[in-house]
Amino acid sequence: MSDRWVAVDERTYRRLDVATKLAGLGLIAAGLEVGGATAPGLALGVCGAVLGLVTVIIGDSEP
């Protein structure tokens, strides 16, 4: 089984990083607005955290 890495240039990586962090923050805020202790609130918060960290698995040019 081969390792597959997604590689993008530095400018695209920065844009993806900022976009996913802002979208993740938005989902976390929506989860808190719905109610942080409710099931939908927790689901939105977890999805926001995952989305905010998704760029960790993307390389910025060469692995």
Protein backbone atom coordinates (compact mmCIF):
# COMPACT_ATOMS: atom_id res chain seq x y z
CA MET A 1 0.00 0.00 0.00
CA SER A 2 1.46 3.35 -1.00
CA ASP A 3 1.39 6.50 1.08
CA ARG A 4 -0.59 9.25 -0.61
CA TRP A 5 0.10 12.83 0.37
CA VAL A 6 -1.59 15.91 -0.97
CA ALA A 7 0.96 18.57 -1.90
CA VAL A 8 0.07 22.14 -2.84
CA ASP A 9 2.13 25.28 -3.31
CA GLU A 10 2.68 27.62 -0.37
CA ARG A 11 0.17 30.25 -1.44
CA THR A 12 -2.63 27.73 -1.94
CA TYR A 13 -1.76 26.07 1.37
CA ARG A 14 -2.04 29.39 3.22
CA ARG A 15 -5.43 30.09 1.67
CA LEU A 16 -6.71 26.60 2.52
CA ASP A 17 -5.35 26.90 6.04
CA VAL A 18 -7.04 30.24 6.70
CA ALA A 19 -10.31 29.14 5.09
CA THR A 20 -10.54 25.91 7.09
CA LYS A 21 -9.63 27.64 10.34
CA LEU A 22 -12.30 30.31 9.82
CA ALA A 23 -14.93 27.78 8.78
CA GLY A 24 -14.06 25.62 11.79
CA LEU A 25 -14.34 28.60 14.09
CA GLY A 26 -17.71 29.42 12.56
CA LEU A 27 -18.97 25.90 13.21
CA ILE A 28 -17.75 26.02 16.80
CA ALA A 29 -19.49 29.37 17.31
CA ALA A 30 -22.68 27.95 15.79
CA GLY A 31 -22.45 25.00 18.15
CA LEU A 32 -22.16 27.31 21.12
CA GLU A 33 -25.07 29.38 19.87
CA VAL A 34 -27.25 26.26 19.55
CA GLY A 35 -26.17 25.13 22.98
CA GLY A 36 -22.80 23.66 23.80
CA ALA A 37 -24.26 20.94 26.00
CA THR A 38 -26.83 19.75 23.44
CA ALA A 39 -26.23 17.00 20.89
CA PRO A 40 -26.39 19.36 17.87
CA GLY A 41 -24.10 21.83 19.63
CA LEU A 42 -21.56 19.16 20.41
CA ALA A 43 -21.73 17.80 16.86
CA LEU A 44 -21.13 21.26 15.39
CA GLY A 45 -18.25 21.86 17.79
CA VAL A 46 -16.56 18.56 16.94
CA CYS A 47 -17.03 19.13 13.21
CA GLY A 48 -15.58 22.61 13.58
CA ALA A 49 -12.52 21.31 15.41
CA VAL A 50 -11.94 18.62 12.79
CA LEU A 51 -12.35 21.11 9.94
CA GLY A 52 -9.96 23.53 11.63
CA LEU A 53 -7.29 20.85 11.87
CA VAL A 54 -7.73 19.34 8.39
CA THR A 55 -4.77 21.24 6.91
CA VAL A 56 -2.40 19.39 9.22
CA ILE A 57 -2.47 16.47 6.77
CA ILE A 58 -1.74 18.64 3.72
CA GLY A 59 1.89 19.32 2.83
CA ASP A 60 2.90 22.81 1.67
CA SER A 61 5.12 21.73 -1.26
CA GLU A 62 7.50 18.80 -0.83
CA PRO A 63 6.94 16.16 1.87
